[in-house]
C-alpha atoms as a PDB file:
ATOM      1  CA  UNK A   1      22.168  25.271 -10.560  1.00  0.00           C
ATOM      2  CA  UNK A   2      21.307  21.777  -8.857  1.00  0.00           C
ATOM      3  CA  UNK A   3      17.846  21.291  -7.753  1.00  0.00           C
ATOM      4  CA  UNK A   4      17.250  20.242  -4.008  1.00  0.00           C
ATOM      5  CA  UNK A   5      15.006  17.217  -3.359  1.00  0.00           C
ATOM      6  CA  UNK A   6      13.013  17.835  -0.286  1.00  0.00           C
ATOM      7  CA  UNK A   7      10.971  15.869   2.092  1.00  0.00           C
ATOM      8  CA  UNK A   8       8.505  17.027   4.866  1.00  0.00           C
ATOM      9  CA  UNK A   9       7.631  15.212   8.182  1.00  0.00           C
ATOM     10  CA  UNK A  10       4.680  16.640   9.474  1.00  0.00           C
ATOM     11  CA  UNK A  11       1.308  18.266   8.134  1.00  0.00           C
ATOM     12  CA  UNK A  12       0.279  20.933  10.626  1.00  0.00           C
ATOM     13  CA  UNK A  13       0.673  24.621  10.842  1.00  0.00           C
ATOM     14  CA  UNK A  14       4.510  24.915  10.361  1.00  0.00           C
ATOM     15  CA  UNK A  15       4.518  22.276   7.815  1.00  0.00           C
ATOM     16  CA  UNK A  16       2.265  24.492   5.647  1.00  0.00           C
ATOM     17  CA  UNK A  17       4.778  27.479   6.049  1.00  0.00           C
ATOM     18  CA  UNK A  18       7.546  25.283   4.968  1.00  0.00           C
ATOM     19  CA  UNK A  19       5.672  23.932   2.101  1.00  0.00           C
ATOM     20  CA  UNK A  20       4.767  27.521   0.799  1.00  0.00           C
ATOM     21  CA  UNK A  21       8.393  28.764   1.461  1.00  0.00           C
ATOM     22  CA  UNK A  22       9.675  25.821  -0.813  1.00  0.00           C
ATOM     23  CA  UNK A  23       7.083  26.476  -3.355  1.00  0.00           C
ATOM     24  CA  UNK A  24       8.717  30.104  -4.056  1.00  0.00           C
ATOM     25  CA  UNK A  25      11.959  28.512  -4.833  1.00  0.00           C
ATOM     26  CA  UNK A  26      12.664  27.531  -8.579  1.00  0.00           C
ATOM     27  CA  UNK A  27      15.703  25.003  -7.475  1.00  0.00           C
ATOM     28  CA  UNK A  28      13.766  22.966  -5.158  1.00  0.00           C
ATOM     29  CA  UNK A  29      11.518  19.833  -5.820  1.00  0.00           C
ATOM     30  CA  UNK A  30       9.053  18.903  -2.952  1.00  0.00           C
ATOM     31  CA  UNK A  31       8.971  15.272  -3.405  1.00  0.00           C
ATOM     32  CA  UNK A  32       7.068  13.658  -0.321  1.00  0.00           C
ATOM     33  CA  UNK A  33       5.219  14.009   2.966  1.00  0.00           C
ATOM     34  CA  UNK A  34       5.012  11.760   5.928  1.00  0.00           C
ATOM     35  CA  UNK A  35       2.439  12.178   8.335  1.00  0.00           C
ATOM     36  CA  UNK A  36      -0.014  10.577  10.843  1.00  0.00           C
ATOM     37  CA  UNK A  37      -2.855  12.791   9.832  1.00  0.00           C
ATOM     38  CA  UNK A  38      -3.557  11.519   6.484  1.00  0.00           C
ATOM     39  CA  UNK A  39      -6.122  13.984   5.272  1.00  0.00           C
ATOM     40  CA  UNK A  40      -4.367  17.031   6.442  1.00  0.00           C
ATOM     41  CA  UNK A  41      -1.301  15.682   4.763  1.00  0.00           C
ATOM     42  CA  UNK A  42      -3.291  15.065   1.317  1.00  0.00           C
ATOM     43  CA  UNK A  43      -4.790  18.516   1.565  1.00  0.00           C
ATOM     44  CA  UNK A  44      -1.315  19.951   1.677  1.00  0.00           C
ATOM     45  CA  UNK A  45       0.095  17.616  -1.113  1.00  0.00           C
ATOM     46  CA  UNK A  46      -2.597  18.673  -3.262  1.00  0.00           C
ATOM     47  CA  UNK A  47      -2.141  22.415  -2.631  1.00  0.00           C
ATOM     48  CA  UNK A  48       1.583  22.248  -3.329  1.00  0.00           C
ATOM     49  CA  UNK A  49       1.769  19.764  -5.932  1.00  0.00           C
ATOM     50  CA  UNK A  50       3.477  17.105  -3.829  1.00  0.00           C
ATOM     51  CA  UNK A  51       3.513  13.734  -5.548  1.00  0.00           C
ATOM     52  CA  UNK A  52       2.344  10.422  -4.453  1.00  0.00           C
ATOM     53  CA  UNK A  53       0.659   9.743  -1.252  1.00  0.00           C
ATOM     54  CA  UNK A  54       1.712  10.620   2.415  1.00  0.00           C
ATOM     55  CA  UNK A  55       3.803   8.087   4.148  1.00  0.00           C
ATOM     56  CA  UNK A  56       2.507   6.925   7.701  1.00  0.00           C
ATOM     57  CA  UNK A  57       5.900   5.863   8.776  1.00  0.00           C
ATOM     58  CA  UNK A  58       8.571   8.527   8.130  1.00  0.00           C
ATOM     59  CA  UNK A  59      11.231   5.808   7.698  1.00  0.00           C
ATOM     60  CA  UNK A  60       9.650   4.978   4.338  1.00  0.00           C
ATOM     61  CA  UNK A  61      10.199   8.784   3.248  1.00  0.00           C
ATOM     62  CA  UNK A  62      13.658   8.749   4.267  1.00  0.00           C
ATOM     63  CA  UNK A  63      14.467   5.567   2.103  1.00  0.00           C
ATOM     64  CA  UNK A  64      13.910   8.148  -0.791  1.00  0.00           C
ATOM     65  CA  UNK A  65      16.566  10.013  -2.789  1.00  0.00           C
ATOM     66  CA  UNK A  66      16.319  13.417  -1.130  1.00  0.00           C
ATOM     67  CA  UNK A  67      18.826  16.013   0.058  1.00  0.00           C
ATOM     68  CA  UNK A  68      16.946  17.758   2.777  1.00  0.00           C
ATOM     69  CA  UNK A  69      14.113  16.863   5.134  1.00  0.00           C
ATOM     70  CA  UNK A  70      11.986  19.386   7.110  1.00  0.00           C
ATOM     71  CA  UNK A  71      11.166  18.194  10.674  1.00  0.00           C
ATOM     72  CA  UNK A  72       7.711  19.850  11.589  1.00  0.00           C
ATOM     73  CA  UNK A  73       6.809  17.486  14.408  1.00  0.00           C
ATOM     74  CA  UNK A  74       6.173  17.829  18.025  1.00  0.00           C
ATOM     75  CA  UNK A  75       8.994  18.549  20.417  1.00  0.00           C
ATOM     76  CA  UNK A  76       9.246  15.110  21.970  1.00  0.00           C
ATOM     77  CA  UNK A  77       9.933  13.660  18.266  1.00  0.00           C
ATOM     78  CA  UNK A  78      12.606  16.141  17.364  1.00  0.00           C
ATOM     79  CA  UNK A  79      15.729  14.157  18.960  1.00  0.00           C
ATOM     80  CA  UNK A  80      14.912  10.775  17.450  1.00  0.00           C
ATOM     81  CA  UNK A  81      13.387  12.220  14.105  1.00  0.00           C
ATOM     82  CA  UNK A  82      16.481  14.338  13.595  1.00  0.00           C
ATOM     83  CA  UNK A  83      18.850  11.540  14.308  1.00  0.00           C
ATOM     84  CA  UNK A  84      17.137   9.267  11.900  1.00  0.00           C
ATOM     85  CA  UNK A  85      17.107  11.917   9.057  1.00  0.00           C
ATOM     86  CA  UNK A  86      20.866  12.528   9.584  1.00  0.00           C
ATOM     87  CA  UNK A  87      21.578   8.747   9.669  1.00  0.00           C
ATOM     88  CA  UNK A  88      19.724   8.347   6.314  1.00  0.00           C
ATOM     89  CA  UNK A  89      22.268  10.909   4.662  1.00  0.00           C
ATOM     90  CA  UNK A  90      20.183  13.828   4.610  1.00  0.00           C
ATOM     91  CA  UNK A  91      20.392  17.526   5.957  1.00  0.00           C
ATOM     92  CA  UNK A  92      17.671  18.606   8.350  1.00  0.00           C
ATOM     93  CA  UNK A  93      15.719  21.692   9.001  1.00  0.00           C
ATOM     94  CA  UNK A  94      14.414  21.273  12.813  1.00  0.00           C
ATOM     95  CA  UNK A  95      11.616  23.638  13.816  1.00  0.00           C
ATOM     96  CA  UNK A  96      12.305  25.379  17.106  1.00  0.00           C
ATOM     97  CA  UNK A  97      12.751  24.641  19.879  1.00  0.00           C
ATOM     98  CA  UNK A  98      15.885  22.442  18.753  1.00  0.00           C
ATOM     99  CA  UNK A  99      14.812  19.756  21.396  1.00  0.00           C
ATOM    100  CA  UNK A 100      13.161  19.565  24.719  1.00  0.00           C
ATOM    101  CA  UNK A 101      16.672  19.392  26.677  1.00  0.00           C
ATOM    102  CA  UNK A 102      20.282  20.389  26.382  1.00  0.00           C
ATOM    103  CA  UNK A 103      21.200  16.591  26.576  1.00  0.00           C
ATOM    104  CA  UNK A 104      18.725  15.903  23.558  1.00  0.00           C
ATOM    105  CA  UNK A 105      20.323  18.738  21.540  1.00  0.00           C
ATOM    106  CA  UNK A 106      23.800  17.406  22.105  1.00  0.00           C
ATOM    107  CA  UNK A 107      22.718  13.991  20.909  1.00  0.00           C
ATOM    108  CA  UNK A 108      21.471  15.648  17.696  1.00  0.00           C
ATOM    109  CA  UNK A 109      24.581  17.579  17.083  1.00  0.00           C
ATOM    110  CA  UNK A 110      26.729  14.446  17.573  1.00  0.00           C
ATOM    111  CA  UNK A 111      24.555  12.493  15.016  1.00  0.00           C
ATOM    112  CA  UNK A 112      25.069  15.577  12.634  1.00  0.00           C
ATOM    113  CA  UNK A 113      28.916  15.406  13.089  1.00  0.00           C
ATOM    114  CA  UNK A 114      29.027  11.580  12.545  1.00  0.00           C
ATOM    115  CA  UNK A 115      26.937  11.838   9.530  1.00  0.00           C
ATOM    116  CA  UNK A 116      28.678  14.849   8.066  1.00  0.00           C
ATOM    117  CA  UNK A 117      25.329  16.688   7.563  1.00  0.00           C
ATOM    118  CA  UNK A 118      23.847  19.886   8.841  1.00  0.00           C
ATOM    119  CA  UNK A 119      21.322  20.808  11.256  1.00  0.00           C
ATOM    120  CA  UNK A 120      19.483  23.955  10.235  1.00  0.00           C
ATOM    121  CA  UNK A 121      17.802  25.585  13.214  1.00  0.00           C
ATOM    122  CA  UNK A 122      14.413  27.164  12.098  1.00  0.00           C
ATOM    123  CA  UNK A 123      14.306  30.342  13.962  1.00  0.00           C
ATOM    124  CA  UNK A 124      12.012  32.293  11.491  1.00  0.00           C
ATOM    125  CA  UNK A 125      12.197  35.592  13.448  1.00  0.00           C
ATOM    126  CA  UNK A 126      15.862  36.138  12.746  1.00  0.00           C
ATOM    127  CA  UNK A 127      14.930  35.976   9.055  1.00  0.00           C
ATOM    128  CA  UNK A 128      11.789  38.353   9.083  1.00  0.00           C
ATOM    129  CA  UNK A 129      12.460  41.701   7.353  1.00  0.00           C
ATOM    130  CA  UNK A 130      11.550  43.985  10.293  1.00  0.00           C
ATOM    131  CA  UNK A 131      13.794  41.947  12.898  1.00  0.00           C
ATOM    132  CA  UNK A 132      16.514  41.955  10.191  1.00  0.00           C
ATOM    133  CA  UNK A 133      16.409  45.647   9.937  1.00  0.00           C
ATOM    134  CA  UNK A 134      16.639  45.952  13.715  1.00  0.00           C
ATOM    135  CA  UNK A 135      20.137  44.161  13.297  1.00  0.00           C
ATOM    136  CA  UNK A 136      21.259  46.303  10.722  1.00  0.00           C
ATOM    137  CA  UNK A 137      20.384  49.482  12.376  1.00  0.00           C
ATOM    138  CA  UNK A 138      22.239  48.210  15.474  1.00  0.00           C
ATOM    139  CA  UNK A 139      25.316  47.185  13.492  1.00  0.00           C
ATOM    140  CA  UNK A 140      25.399  50.647  12.121  1.00  0.00           C
ATOM    141  CA  UNK A 141      25.776  52.023  15.577  1.00  0.00           C
ATOM    142  CA  UNK A 142      22.534  53.883  15.767  1.00  0.00           C
ATOM    143  CA  UNK A 143      21.925  52.852  19.393  1.00  0.00           C
ATOM    144  CA  UNK A 144      25.310  53.097  20.562  1.00  0.00           C
ATOM    145  CA  UNK A 145      25.755  50.727  23.743  1.00  0.00           C
ATOM    146  CA  UNK A 146      22.665  48.746  24.483  1.00  0.00           C
ATOM    147  CA  UNK A 147      22.047  48.602  28.244  1.00  0.00           C
ATOM    148  CA  UNK A 148      18.466  47.706  28.602  1.00  0.00           C
ATOM    149  CA  UNK A 149      15.693  46.113  26.564  1.00  0.00           C
ATOM    150  CA  UNK A 150      12.513  44.116  26.504  1.00  0.00           C
ATOM    151  CA  UNK A 151      11.245  41.253  24.491  1.00  0.00           C
ATOM    152  CA  UNK A 152       7.655  39.914  24.681  1.00  0.00           C
ATOM    153  CA  UNK A 153       5.870  37.089  22.658  1.00  0.00           C
ATOM    154  CA  UNK A 154       2.176  36.356  23.539  1.00  0.00           C
ATOM    155  CA  UNK A 155      -1.094  34.757  22.203  1.00  0.00           C
ATOM    156  CA  UNK A 156      -3.841  32.849  23.590  1.00  0.00           C
ATOM    157  CA  UNK A 157      -2.101  29.436  23.647  1.00  0.00           C
ATOM    158  CA  UNK A 158      -1.206  26.527  21.159  1.00  0.00           C
ATOM    159  CA  UNK A 159      -3.904  24.595  19.386  1.00  0.00           C
ATOM    160  CA  UNK A 160      -2.544  21.099  19.881  1.00  0.00           C
ATOM    161  CA  UNK A 161      -3.024  19.184  23.236  1.00  0.00           C
ATOM    162  CA  UNK A 162       0.819  17.967  23.385  1.00  0.00           C
ATOM    163  CA  UNK A 163       1.877  21.593  23.916  1.00  0.00           C
ATOM    164  CA  UNK A 164       0.448  21.376  27.360  1.00  0.00           C
ATOM    165  CA  UNK A 165       2.016  18.344  28.560  1.00  0.00           C
ATOM    166  CA  UNK A 166       5.676  18.518  30.175  1.00  0.00           C
ATOM    167  CA  UNK A 167       6.359  15.107  28.943  1.00  0.00           C
ATOM    168  CA  UNK A 168       5.913  15.845  25.269  1.00  0.00           C
ATOM    169  CA  UNK A 169       6.475  19.484  25.130  1.00  0.00           C
ATOM    170  CA  UNK A 170       9.529  19.866  27.512  1.00  0.00           C
ATOM    171  CA  UNK A 171       8.255  23.094  28.868  1.00  0.00           C
ATOM    172  CA  UNK A 172       5.404  25.616  28.247  1.00  0.00           C
ATOM    173  CA  UNK A 173       5.531  29.306  27.012  1.00  0.00           C
ATOM    174  CA  UNK A 174       9.279  29.766  27.664  1.00  0.00           C
ATOM    175  CA  UNK A 175      10.259  26.852  25.397  1.00  0.00           C
ATOM    176  CA  UNK A 176       7.599  27.706  22.834  1.00  0.00           C
ATOM    177  CA  UNK A 177       7.774  31.343  22.646  1.00  0.00           C
ATOM    178  CA  UNK A 178      10.867  32.298  24.711  1.00  0.00           C
ATOM    179  CA  UNK A 179      13.159  30.811  22.444  1.00  0.00           C
ATOM    180  CA  UNK A 180      12.413  33.455  19.914  1.00  0.00           C
ATOM    181  CA  UNK A 181      13.104  36.313  22.073  1.00  0.00           C
ATOM    182  CA  UNK A 182      16.398  34.565  23.388  1.00  0.00           C
ATOM    183  CA  UNK A 183      17.529  33.853  19.842  1.00  0.00           C
ATOM    184  CA  UNK A 184      17.031  37.280  18.600  1.00  0.00           C
ATOM    185  CA  UNK A 185      18.424  39.089  21.617  1.00  0.00           C
ATOM    186  CA  UNK A 186      21.797  37.077  21.733  1.00  0.00           C
ATOM    187  CA  UNK A 187      21.987  38.098  17.882  1.00  0.00           C
ATOM    188  CA  UNK A 188      21.267  41.798  18.524  1.00  0.00           C
ATOM    189  CA  UNK A 189      23.489  42.279  21.414  1.00  0.00           C
ATOM    190  CA  UNK A 190      26.176  39.943  19.803  1.00  0.00           C
ATOM    191  CA  UNK A 191      27.018  38.947  23.485  1.00  0.00           C
ATOM    192  CA  UNK A 192      26.641  36.030  25.698  1.00  0.00           C
ATOM    193  CA  UNK A 193      24.069  35.758  28.357  1.00  0.00           C
ATOM    194  CA  UNK A 194      25.845  35.264  31.603  1.00  0.00           C
ATOM    195  CA  UNK A 195      23.212  34.698  34.257  1.00  0.00           C
ATOM    196  CA  UNK A 196      19.241  34.651  34.373  1.00  0.00           C
ATOM    197  CA  UNK A 197      16.358  35.110  36.564  1.00  0.00           C
ATOM    198  CA  UNK A 198      12.786  33.564  35.940  1.00  0.00           C
ATOM    199  CA  UNK A 199       9.276  33.509  37.512  1.00  0.00           C
ATOM    200  CA  UNK A 200       6.464  31.223  36.006  1.00  0.00           C
ATOM    201  CA  UNK A 201       2.899  30.678  36.570  1.00  0.00           C
ATOM    202  CA  UNK A 202      -0.051  28.606  35.262  1.00  0.00           C
ATOM    203  CA  UNK A 203      -2.870  30.824  34.891  1.00  0.00           C
ATOM    204  CA  UNK A 204      -5.256  28.780  33.005  1.00  0.00           C
ATOM    205  CA  UNK A 205      -4.983  25.051  34.163  1.00  0.00           C
ATOM    206  CA  UNK A 206      -8.112  23.826  32.485  1.00  0.00           C
ATOM    207  CA  UNK A 207      -7.506  24.129  28.569  1.00  0.00           C
ATOM    208  CA  UNK A 208     -11.082  22.686  27.519  1.00  0.00           C
ATOM    209  CA  UNK A 209     -10.655  20.336  24.473  1.00  0.00           C
ATOM    210  CA  UNK A 210      -6.810  20.138  24.831  1.00  0.00           C
ATOM    211  CA  UNK A 211      -7.039  19.030  28.767  1.00  0.00           C
ATOM    212  CA  UNK A 212      -5.194  20.136  31.608  1.00  0.00           C
ATOM    213  CA  UNK A 213      -2.239  22.442  31.257  1.00  0.00           C
ATOM    214  CA  UNK A 214       0.875  21.178  33.455  1.00  0.00           C
ATOM    215  CA  UNK A 215       3.403  23.553  32.034  1.00  0.00           C
ATOM    216  CA  UNK A 216       3.841  27.269  32.594  1.00  0.00           C
ATOM    217  CA  UNK A 217       1.616  29.299  30.529  1.00  0.00           C
ATOM    218  CA  UNK A 218       3.002  32.657  31.733  1.00  0.00           C
ATOM    219  CA  UNK A 219       6.553  33.627  32.461  1.00  0.00           C
ATOM    220  CA  UNK A 220       8.626  36.779  33.121  1.00  0.00           C
ATOM    221  CA  UNK A 221      12.724  36.450  33.008  1.00  0.00           C
ATOM    222  CA  UNK A 222      15.692  38.698  32.864  1.00  0.00           C
ATOM    223  CA  UNK A 223      18.758  37.924  30.836  1.00  0.00           C
ATOM    224  CA  UNK A 224      22.045  39.480  32.287  1.00  0.00           C
ATOM    225  CA  UNK A 225      24.342  39.745  29.463  1.00  0.00           C
ATOM    226  CA  UNK A 226      28.136  39.817  29.891  1.00  0.00           C
ATOM    227  CA  UNK A 227      28.563  43.359  28.705  1.00  0.00           C
ATOM    228  CA  UNK A 228      26.302  44.676  31.490  1.00  0.00           C
ATOM    229  CA  UNK A 229      22.857  44.814  29.542  1.00  0.00           C
ATOM    230  CA  UNK A 230      19.687  43.698  31.347  1.00  0.00           C
ATOM    231  CA  UNK A 231      16.606  42.648  29.145  1.00  0.00           C
ATOM    232  CA  UNK A 232      13.368  41.528  30.483  1.00  0.00           C
ATOM    233  CA  UNK A 233      11.259  38.911  28.570  1.00  0.00           C
ATOM    234  CA  UNK A 234       7.663  38.309  29.007  1.00  0.00           C
ATOM    235  CA  UNK A 235       6.044  35.206  27.475  1.00  0.00           C
ATOM    236  CA  UNK A 236       2.272  34.274  27.567  1.00  0.00           C
ATOM    237  CA  UNK A 237      -0.334  31.726  26.303  1.00  0.00           C
ATOM    238  CA  UNK A 238      -3.211  33.461  27.875  1.00  0.00           C
ATOM    239  CA  UNK A 239      -3.239  36.838  25.964  1.00  0.00           C
ATOM    240  CA  UNK A 240      -6.160  37.359  23.598  1.00  0.00           C
ATOM    241  CA  UNK A 241      -6.205  39.231  20.544  1.00  0.00           C
ATOM    242  CA  UNK A 242      -3.830  37.075  18.413  1.00  0.00           C
ATOM    243  CA  UNK A 243      -0.159  36.549  18.013  1.00  0.00           C
ATOM    244  CA  UNK A 244       2.006  39.773  19.442  1.00  0.00           C
ATOM    245  CA  UNK A 245       5.713  39.843  19.413  1.00  0.00           C
ATOM    246  CA  UNK A 246       7.712  43.090  20.104  1.00  0.00           C
ATOM    247  CA  UNK A 247      11.156  44.217  20.850  1.00  0.00           C
ATOM    248  CA  UNK A 248      12.358  47.497  22.645  1.00  0.00           C
ATOM    249  CA  UNK A 249      16.110  48.149  22.908  1.00  0.00           C
ATOM    250  CA  UNK A 250      17.622  51.077  24.751  1.00  0.00           C
ATOM    251  CA  UNK A 251      21.163  52.367  23.944  1.00  0.00           C
ATOM    252  CA  UNK A 252      23.314  55.179  25.019  1.00  0.00           C
ATOM    253  CA  UNK A 253      22.700  56.921  21.693  1.00  0.00           C
ATOM    254  CA  UNK A 254      19.126  55.906  20.849  1.00  0.00           C
ATOM    255  CA  UNK A 255      16.241  53.260  21.079  1.00  0.00           C
ATOM    256  CA  UNK A 256      14.366  51.122  18.776  1.00  0.00           C
ATOM    257  CA  UNK A 257      10.928  49.439  18.937  1.00  0.00           C
ATOM    258  CA  UNK A 258       9.836  46.610  16.424  1.00  0.00           C
ATOM    259  CA  UNK A 259       6.314  45.522  16.390  1.00  0.00           C
ATOM    260  CA  UNK A 260       5.407  43.548  13.216  1.00  0.00           C
ATOM    261  CA  UNK A 261       2.385  42.125  14.581  1.00  0.00           C
ATOM    262  CA  UNK A 262       0.708  45.337  15.656  1.00  0.00           C
ATOM    263  CA  UNK A 263       1.735  47.214  12.606  1.00  0.00           C
ATOM    264  CA  UNK A 264      -0.070  50.147  11.202  1.00  0.00           C
ATOM    265  CA  UNK A 265      -0.058  49.024   7.457  1.00  0.00           C
ATOM    266  CA  UNK A 266      -3.624  47.933   7.690  1.00  0.00           C
ATOM    267  CA  UNK A 267      -5.818  48.859  10.578  1.00  0.00           C
ATOM    268  CA  UNK A 268      -9.558  47.577  10.559  1.00  0.00           C
ATOM    269  CA  UNK A 269     -12.675  48.283  12.545  1.00  0.00           C
ATOM    270  CA  UNK A 270     -15.357  45.870  12.135  1.00  0.00           C
ATOM    271  CA  UNK A 271     -18.675  45.280  13.938  1.00  0.00           C
ATOM    272  CA  UNK A 272     -19.604  42.369  11.899  1.00  0.00           C
ATOM    273  CA  UNK A 273     -15.976  40.563  11.860  1.00  0.00           C
ATOM    274  CA  UNK A 274     -14.414  39.288   8.521  1.00  0.00           C
ATOM    275  CA  UNK A 275     -11.825  36.437   7.729  1.00  0.00           C
ATOM    276  CA  UNK A 276      -8.274  36.100   8.707  1.00  0.00           C
ATOM    277  CA  UNK A 277      -6.139  38.611  10.886  1.00  0.00           C
ATOM    278  CA  UNK A 278      -3.108  36.766  12.208  1.00  0.00           C
ATOM    279  CA  UNK A 279      -2.395  33.555  13.997  1.00  0.00           C
ATOM    280  CA  UNK A 280      -4.122  33.023  17.156  1.00  0.00           C
ATOM    281  CA  UNK A 281      -6.652  35.745  16.633  1.00  0.00           C
ATOM    282  CA  UNK A 282     -10.029  34.455  18.265  1.00  0.00           C
ATOM    283  CA  UNK A 283     -11.890  37.325  16.682  1.00  0.00           C
ATOM    284  CA  UNK A 284     -12.237  39.926  13.946  1.00  0.00           C
ATOM    285  CA  UNK A 285     -14.716  42.314  15.548  1.00  0.00           C
ATOM    286  CA  UNK A 286     -13.531  45.686  16.802  1.00  0.00           C
ATOM    287  CA  UNK A 287     -10.158  47.083  15.995  1.00  0.00           C
ATOM    288  CA  UNK A 288      -7.849  44.535  14.531  1.00  0.00           C
ATOM    289  CA  UNK A 289      -4.430  44.638  12.801  1.00  0.00           C
ATOM    290  CA  UNK A 290      -4.219  42.381   9.902  1.00  0.00           C
ATOM    291  CA  UNK A 291      -0.687  40.945   8.844  1.00  0.00           C
ATOM    292  CA  UNK A 292      -0.344  40.993   5.101  1.00  0.00           C
ATOM    293  CA  UNK A 293       1.679  38.181   3.793  1.00  0.00           C
ATOM    294  CA  UNK A 294       2.096  36.669   7.411  1.00  0.00           C
ATOM    295  CA  UNK A 295       4.606  34.098   6.248  1.00  0.00           C
ATOM    296  CA  UNK A 296       6.746  36.695   4.546  1.00  0.00           C
ATOM    297  CA  UNK A 297       6.435  39.262   7.514  1.00  0.00           C
ATOM    298  CA  UNK A 298       7.689  36.638   9.915  1.00  0.00           C
ATOM    299  CA  UNK A 299      10.512  35.169   7.962  1.00  0.00           C
ATOM    300  CA  UNK A 300       9.556  31.808   6.805  1.00  0.00           C
ATOM    301  CA  UNK A 301      10.328  32.089   3.114  1.00  0.00           C
ATOM    302  CA  UNK A 302      13.470  34.066   3.796  1.00  0.00           C
ATOM    303  CA  UNK A 303      14.946  31.421   6.202  1.00  0.00           C
ATOM    304  CA  UNK A 304      14.246  28.348   3.878  1.00  0.00           C
ATOM    305  CA  UNK A 305      15.691  30.281   1.159  1.00  0.00           C
ATOM    306  CA  UNK A 306      19.041  30.940   3.039  1.00  0.00           C
ATOM    307  CA  UNK A 307      19.177  27.429   4.189  1.00  0.00           C
ATOM    308  CA  UNK A 308      18.795  25.976   0.669  1.00  0.00           C
ATOM    309  CA  UNK A 309      21.518  28.513  -0.537  1.00  0.00           C
ATOM    310  CA  UNK A 310      23.716  27.116   2.200  1.00  0.00           C
ATOM    311  CA  UNK A 311      23.296  23.635   1.222  1.00  0.00           C
ATOM    312  CA  UNK A 312      24.045  24.223  -2.544  1.00  0.00           C
ATOM    313  CA  UNK A 313      26.986  26.677  -1.565  1.00  0.00           C
ATOM    314  CA  UNK A 314      28.288  24.485   1.281  1.00  0.00           C
ATOM    315  CA  UNK A 315      28.075  27.413   3.817  1.00  0.00           C
ATOM    316  CA  UNK A 316      27.131  27.882   7.421  1.00  0.00           C
ATOM    317  CA  UNK A 317      23.756  29.382   8.156  1.00  0.00           C
ATOM    318  CA  UNK A 318      22.862  32.032  10.409  1.00  0.00           C
ATOM    319  CA  UNK A 319      21.237  29.653  12.660  1.00  0.00           C
ATOM    320  CA  UNK A 320      22.649  26.151  12.770  1.00  0.00           C
ATOM    321  CA  UNK A 321      22.254  23.426  15.307  1.00  0.00           C
ATOM    322  CA  UNK A 322      24.990  24.841  17.593  1.00  0.00           C
ATOM    323  CA  UNK A 323      22.997  27.945  17.567  1.00  0.00           C
ATOM    324  CA  UNK A 324      19.894  26.165  18.547  1.00  0.00           C
ATOM    325  CA  UNK A 325      21.899  24.306  21.295  1.00  0.00           C
ATOM    326  CA  UNK A 326      22.936  27.721  22.628  1.00  0.00           C
ATOM    327  CA  UNK A 327      19.336  29.126  23.141  1.00  0.00           C
ATOM    328  CA  UNK A 328      18.185  25.838  24.612  1.00  0.00           C
ATOM    329  CA  UNK A 329      20.997  26.033  27.321  1.00  0.00           C
ATOM    330  CA  UNK A 330      19.680  29.709  28.153  1.00  0.00           C
ATOM    331  CA  UNK A 331      16.069  28.391  28.144  1.00  0.00           C
ATOM    332  CA  UNK A 332      17.118  25.459  30.427  1.00  0.00           C
ATOM    333  CA  UNK A 333      18.685  27.946  32.959  1.00  0.00           C
ATOM    334  CA  UNK A 334      15.604  30.095  32.805  1.00  0.00           C
ATOM    335  CA  UNK A 335      13.850  26.832  34.067  1.00  0.00           C
ATOM    336  CA  UNK A 336      16.402  26.273  36.645  1.00  0.00           C
ATOM    337  CA  UNK A 337      15.809  29.729  38.034  1.00  0.00           C
ATOM    338  CA  UNK A 338      12.078  29.402  38.039  1.00  0.00           C
ATOM    339  CA  UNK A 339      12.419  26.493  40.192  1.00  0.00           C
ATOM    340  CA  UNK A 340      15.129  27.711  42.681  1.00  0.00           C
ATOM    341  CA  UNK A 341      13.871  31.214  42.917  1.00  0.00           C
ATOM    342  CA  UNK A 342      17.277  32.471  42.501  1.00  0.00           C
ATOM    343  CA  UNK A 343      19.519  33.854  39.675  1.00  0.00           C
ATOM    344  CA  UNK A 344      21.221  31.129  37.858  1.00  0.00           C
ATOM    345  CA  UNK A 345      24.480  31.343  36.009  1.00  0.00           C
ATOM    346  CA  UNK A 346      24.422  29.883  32.299  1.00  0.00           C
ATOM    347  CA  UNK A 347      26.571  26.851  32.106  1.00  0.00           C
ATOM    348  CA  UNK A 348      29.331  26.432  29.446  1.00  0.00           C
ATOM    349  CA  UNK A 349      28.329  23.904  26.820  1.00  0.00           C
END
């Protein structure tokens, strides 16, 4: 089988998940990395045996003979970064959200069509074992007709200043966390969202070393599906205790709850604290729920494995650029509702 030559743009938290996922695959060669944070990039390159030195200008990386590039950079760079990768004749893996706006997302898809290359939309939770099992159970008919549900994703807030700025991030916790809920829910129900309602707040405007927060850090929304189902989503950047994602789905024949971040595989009580529990956990004192093999539990290796297989076999992935745009369209409508205070209809793309 042909080996895929891969480059990575970015060297932060998500870039490490991508490096780790690639390192597990026998048919992938990690060829290069580009990052403005030279020391962090060098650490990752050493850890994952990536040759050479990090490129400060990603355009230099794009001159290399590569098959695909992982785009692990802030939201405001997604559009131009993806277009540049596609123009260079390479496939691109874009971390969620696809872009800041539907307009930017459409420009990216147009560039992909023109270059005859694919955008792979990185929605890791749809590849996570627990969430994949939920889909399997639904398709086997265990729940009957789903009529109500709840999705939530919460933590204490991102660890980079750009997340808290509207011009760079494009939005707050809805665009950062809500995309996961929306992506999974339309997959689970296999149905389009017809209209939405949303309310947002800024609970902690002062983010200390990260400056002022001028995007929403808490939000509640309702997704009204065309089949009549109503699902509430709850997103928060002010919830202490580490990353917490959960779904509850209710059907005419059953219900299901999935909660991988509060699993009971390993429960710890410590008065002294210890090492790492889960992303965004600020303390390890008291009762904690360590997540074993965090990257695997949240679907990063499975996602990258499927994407690389799709490239080698010329197949469409579960989450392509069009899927990312569909999610972004719903998110944009949630923002419209939060501004108008009314239920808003999701426009056609």
